[in-house]
Structures are given as C-alpha cells and as structure tokens.
Amino acid sequence: MAEPIAETQETYDAIASEYLRRNSTVDPRSLNDDIAALAAVLPPGSWVADVGCGPGREVRAMRAHGFRVVGLDLSAGQLRTGGLTGAARADMRQLPLRTGSMDAVWCQAALLHLPRADVPGVLAEFARAVRIGGRLHLSVADGDGEAWEVAFNYGSQRRRWFTYHRERDLAAHLAAAGFVVEEVRRTASYRDWLAIDAQRVAT
C-alpha cells in the first residue's frame, strides 16, 4: 500500500485550484457555528493554529472574528493557491509551534486523512502546542473504517486517504492526550460529520 499521508498530500497539490473554486461557495452556516463556539470561550486576540488549513477559508473567517491565526498545511499547492499570509507548510505529526504557545488548535476535516494508528500521537502533539486551559476544535468524518477514496468530486482520479471516527473512541484518545470534551455537534452533507470541542487540562 502506498504511504497514505504522502499520496494524500500529492493529491491535494494536484487538485488545489479546483478545491479552492468549489469550496469558496460552500454554505458557511455550520462553519460559522463552529467558529462562534470558539469565540464564546476565547477572547479576540487569542492565538489559534489552523492545522490542515488548505487555501485558508477558515483562517480568514477566524481572523474576521479577531483571532490571530497561523495557517499550517502539508500541501504547498493548497497554501500557494489560496495566497494565504501568515501560513507555513507543516506536518501535523510534528508541528513547528512552541510548547503551550497556542490558545487553541483548529483542525477542520484534516485529521481524517491520517491513518488511525497516527491519531493518538497527533492528538498528543496538539496538546503539546496548546496551553493548559486552551481549546481544541476537531471536525472528522463520522463512521467506521479507513480506506482510499478517489477525488471524483474534484475532477481527479487521484486518491485521498480517509479515516472515519466514532465519538466514543475519539473522546478516549482525546482524554489520553490531555483534553476534556465539552461539546459534540453532528451535521450531514455528502458525508456525516462529527465536530468536537475540547479543553486542554493538566495531566
């Protein structure tokens, strides 16, 4: 089997322009709810790392709410196509962030591209980057299993790796990393989505 993370990154490089075009018109209501939930617990000026930011739609939306946001993504093509400032190419398995330097980590539809075996380590890395009392927002595909999916919806034959998560298992991984789940929201579009808001606690 090809290495899932590397191939998925290459796919996002290849579909970057089409991804930007299609996602610029996505209904923002659920996104606004997620950002509002973060704004309810963090004041303007808080530092947020958007991990897996893609071309930067969420970065711009959170900046409009007064947050100071650093965009991080493994796909250079996504970052370049979005023309995002204050962003860098980075692997979520080893974030270029000082320990405890972030008030929040935001990870919208990005953790789902990691093989399940990598998830506990990545959540621990999120916990390292976030100060005690800080926040984590996760949005993942709700369900079971992991496999390749062809990016037909972006007019491509290239593959992306998808790992589906259930609330109970993901909450257990979060607890082990040092997070307490505070709110869970579910939405449905072309797939079922699970959004989790959690707080970093002392361990």
Protein backbone atom coordinates (compact mmCIF):
# COMPACT_ATOMS: atom_id res chain seq x y z
CA MET A 1 0.00 0.00 0.00
CA ALA A 2 1.28 3.48 -0.86
CA GLU A 3 2.07 5.76 2.08
CA PRO A 4 -1.29 7.41 2.82
CA ILE A 5 -0.08 10.80 4.05
CA ALA A 6 2.38 11.43 1.21
CA GLU A 7 -0.06 10.38 -1.52
CA THR A 8 -2.90 12.38 0.01
CA GLN A 9 -0.65 15.45 0.10
CA GLU A 10 0.25 14.95 -3.57
CA THR A 11 -3.45 14.71 -4.41
CA TYR A 12 -4.19 17.98 -2.62
CA ASP A 13 -1.35 19.65 -4.53
CA ALA A 14 -2.86 18.41 -7.79
CA ILE A 15 -6.46 19.47 -7.07
CA ALA A 16 -5.61 22.76 -5.34
CA SER A 17 -7.22 25.09 -7.89
CA GLU A 18 -10.41 23.05 -8.19
CA TYR A 19 -10.57 22.63 -4.41
CA LEU A 20 -10.41 26.41 -3.94
CA ARG A 21 -13.06 27.01 -6.60
CA ARG A 22 -15.54 24.53 -5.18
CA ASN A 23 -15.07 25.29 -1.50
CA SER A 24 -15.33 29.05 -1.88
CA THR A 25 -19.08 28.62 -2.37
CA VAL A 26 -19.80 26.10 0.42
CA ASP A 27 -22.69 27.03 2.74
CA PRO A 28 -20.90 28.60 5.73
CA ARG A 29 -23.59 28.08 8.37
CA SER A 30 -22.07 25.07 10.14
CA LEU A 31 -18.62 26.66 9.86
CA ASN A 32 -19.94 29.83 11.47
CA ASP A 33 -21.43 27.76 14.31
CA ASP A 34 -18.05 26.15 14.93
CA ILE A 35 -16.21 29.48 14.95
CA ALA A 36 -18.89 31.02 17.18
CA ALA A 37 -18.37 28.19 19.67
CA LEU A 38 -14.66 29.00 19.79
CA ALA A 39 -15.32 32.75 20.06
CA ALA A 40 -17.61 32.08 23.03
CA VAL A 41 -14.72 30.75 25.09
CA LEU A 42 -11.71 32.69 23.76
CA PRO A 43 -11.33 36.48 23.56
CA PRO A 44 -10.28 38.40 20.44
CA GLY A 45 -6.52 38.40 20.03
CA SER A 46 -6.16 34.74 21.04
CA TRP A 47 -3.63 32.70 19.08
CA VAL A 48 -5.11 29.88 17.01
CA ALA A 49 -3.27 27.32 14.87
CA ASP A 50 -5.40 26.14 11.93
CA VAL A 51 -3.86 22.73 11.27
CA GLY A 52 -4.72 21.50 7.79
CA CYS A 53 -5.85 24.96 6.73
CA GLY A 54 -5.89 24.26 2.98
CA PRO A 55 -6.27 27.50 0.98
CA GLY A 56 -7.31 29.37 4.12
CA ARG A 57 -11.08 29.83 4.22
CA GLU A 58 -11.26 29.11 7.97
CA VAL A 59 -8.13 31.16 8.66
CA ARG A 60 -9.75 34.21 7.10
CA ALA A 61 -13.05 33.59 8.86
CA MET A 62 -11.39 33.30 12.27
CA ARG A 63 -9.29 36.39 11.64
CA ALA A 64 -12.52 38.24 10.91
CA HIS A 65 -13.61 37.27 14.44
CA GLY A 66 -10.48 38.90 15.85
CA PHE A 67 -8.31 35.83 16.36
CA ARG A 68 -4.62 35.79 15.48
CA VAL A 69 -4.40 32.70 13.28
CA VAL A 70 -1.43 30.75 11.97
CA GLY A 71 -2.25 28.55 8.99
CA LEU A 72 -0.46 25.21 8.67
CA ASP A 73 -0.85 22.64 5.90
CA LEU A 74 1.23 19.85 4.40
CA SER A 75 0.16 20.75 0.87
CA ALA A 76 2.24 23.55 -0.60
CA GLY A 77 -0.17 23.66 -3.54
CA GLN A 78 -3.12 24.44 -1.28
CA LEU A 79 -1.23 27.21 0.52
CA ARG A 80 0.05 28.72 -2.73
CA THR A 81 -3.33 28.63 -4.48
CA GLY A 82 -5.06 30.29 -1.54
CA GLY A 83 -2.49 33.10 -1.39
CA LEU A 84 -2.66 32.94 2.39
CA THR A 85 -0.41 35.14 4.51
CA GLY A 86 0.78 34.03 7.94
CA ALA A 87 0.93 30.40 6.87
CA ALA A 88 3.54 27.68 6.55
CA ARG A 89 3.93 24.17 5.20
CA ALA A 90 3.91 21.76 8.13
CA ASP A 91 3.17 18.18 9.12
CA MET A 92 0.64 17.86 11.95
CA ARG A 93 2.66 14.97 13.34
CA GLN A 94 5.40 17.45 14.26
CA LEU A 95 4.09 21.00 14.50
CA PRO A 96 6.51 23.95 14.23
CA LEU A 97 4.98 25.53 17.34
CA ARG A 98 6.43 26.16 20.77
CA THR A 99 5.02 24.11 23.62
CA GLY A 100 2.00 25.83 25.15
CA SER A 101 2.18 28.72 22.69
CA MET A 102 -1.35 28.42 21.26
CA ASP A 103 -4.66 29.34 22.85
CA ALA A 104 -6.37 26.88 20.50
CA VAL A 105 -5.78 24.36 17.74
CA TRP A 106 -8.39 24.21 14.99
CA CYS A 107 -8.39 21.09 12.81
CA GLN A 108 -11.29 21.05 10.35
CA ALA A 109 -11.57 17.95 8.11
CA ALA A 110 -7.83 17.25 8.23
CA LEU A 111 -7.23 14.66 10.96
CA LEU A 112 -9.43 12.34 8.90
CA HIS A 113 -6.62 11.98 6.35
CA LEU A 114 -4.28 10.30 8.84
CA PRO A 115 -4.15 6.53 9.30
CA ARG A 116 -5.82 5.55 12.56
CA ALA A 117 -2.51 4.44 14.08
CA ASP A 118 -1.17 8.00 13.83
CA VAL A 119 -4.11 9.67 15.57
CA PRO A 120 -3.06 9.30 19.25
CA GLY A 121 0.36 10.78 18.54
CA VAL A 122 -1.12 13.72 16.62
CA LEU A 123 -3.60 14.50 19.40
CA ALA A 124 -0.68 14.46 21.85
CA GLU A 125 1.12 16.91 19.56
CA PHE A 126 -1.95 19.18 19.58
CA ALA A 127 -1.94 19.01 23.38
CA ARG A 128 1.74 19.95 23.46
CA ALA A 129 1.11 23.06 21.39
CA VAL A 130 -1.92 24.28 23.39
CA ARG A 131 -1.62 25.97 26.78
CA ILE A 132 -3.39 24.50 29.78
CA GLY A 133 -6.96 25.78 29.61
CA GLY A 134 -6.70 26.25 25.86
CA ARG A 135 -9.06 24.74 23.30
CA LEU A 136 -9.20 22.22 20.50
CA HIS A 137 -11.73 22.07 17.68
CA LEU A 138 -11.86 18.88 15.63
CA SER A 139 -14.08 18.04 12.69
CA VAL A 140 -13.88 14.48 11.34
CA ALA A 141 -15.91 12.10 9.23
CA ASP A 142 -18.32 10.15 11.44
CA GLY A 143 -18.29 6.41 10.88
CA ASP A 144 -16.15 3.28 10.79
CA GLY A 145 -13.14 2.09 8.85
CA GLU A 146 -10.34 3.66 6.81
CA ALA A 147 -9.56 3.40 3.11
CA TRP A 148 -8.59 5.21 -0.07
CA GLU A 149 -11.22 7.36 -1.78
CA VAL A 150 -10.83 8.76 -5.30
CA ALA A 151 -11.28 12.54 -5.51
CA PHE A 152 -14.02 12.34 -8.17
CA ASN A 153 -15.74 15.39 -6.67
CA TYR A 154 -12.72 17.48 -7.65
CA GLY A 155 -12.50 16.04 -11.17
CA SER A 156 -9.50 13.87 -10.34
CA GLN A 157 -8.59 10.18 -10.44
CA ARG A 158 -6.09 10.70 -7.64
CA ARG A 159 -6.67 9.20 -4.22
CA ARG A 160 -7.01 10.57 -0.70
CA TRP A 161 -6.88 8.52 2.49
CA PHE A 162 -9.91 8.76 4.79
CA THR A 163 -10.21 7.50 8.35
CA TYR A 164 -13.66 7.57 9.95
CA HIS A 165 -14.14 8.12 13.68
CA ARG A 166 -16.75 7.42 16.33
CA GLU A 167 -17.31 9.82 19.20
CA ARG A 168 -16.58 7.33 21.97
CA ASP A 169 -13.22 6.21 20.58
CA LEU A 170 -12.10 9.71 19.67
CA ALA A 171 -13.07 11.02 23.12
CA ALA A 172 -10.91 8.30 24.69
CA HIS A 173 -7.93 9.32 22.56
CA LEU A 174 -8.50 12.96 23.47
CA ALA A 175 -8.62 12.13 27.19
CA ALA A 176 -5.35 10.23 26.92
CA ALA A 177 -3.75 13.27 25.25
CA GLY A 178 -4.97 15.69 27.93
CA PHE A 179 -8.25 17.05 26.58
CA VAL A 180 -11.74 17.03 28.05
CA VAL A 181 -14.60 17.01 25.55
CA GLU A 182 -17.02 19.89 26.17
CA GLU A 183 -19.37 19.80 23.19
CA VAL A 184 -20.18 17.48 20.30
CA ARG A 185 -22.11 18.51 17.17
CA ARG A 186 -23.18 16.41 14.20
CA THR A 187 -24.02 17.57 10.69
CA ALA A 188 -24.66 15.79 7.40
CA SER A 189 -23.83 16.75 3.83
CA TYR A 190 -22.18 14.43 1.31
CA ARG A 191 -20.93 12.54 4.39
CA ASP A 192 -21.68 12.57 8.12
CA TRP A 193 -19.56 14.92 10.19
CA LEU A 194 -18.58 14.89 13.84
CA ALA A 195 -17.37 18.16 15.43
CA ILE A 196 -15.79 18.04 18.86
CA ASP A 197 -14.78 20.98 21.05
CA ALA A 198 -12.43 20.15 23.90
CA GLN A 199 -10.38 21.88 26.59
CA ARG A 200 -6.72 21.22 27.40
CA VAL A 201 -6.35 20.18 31.04
CA ALA A 202 -3.38 19.47 33.28
CA THR A 203 -2.32 15.83 33.32
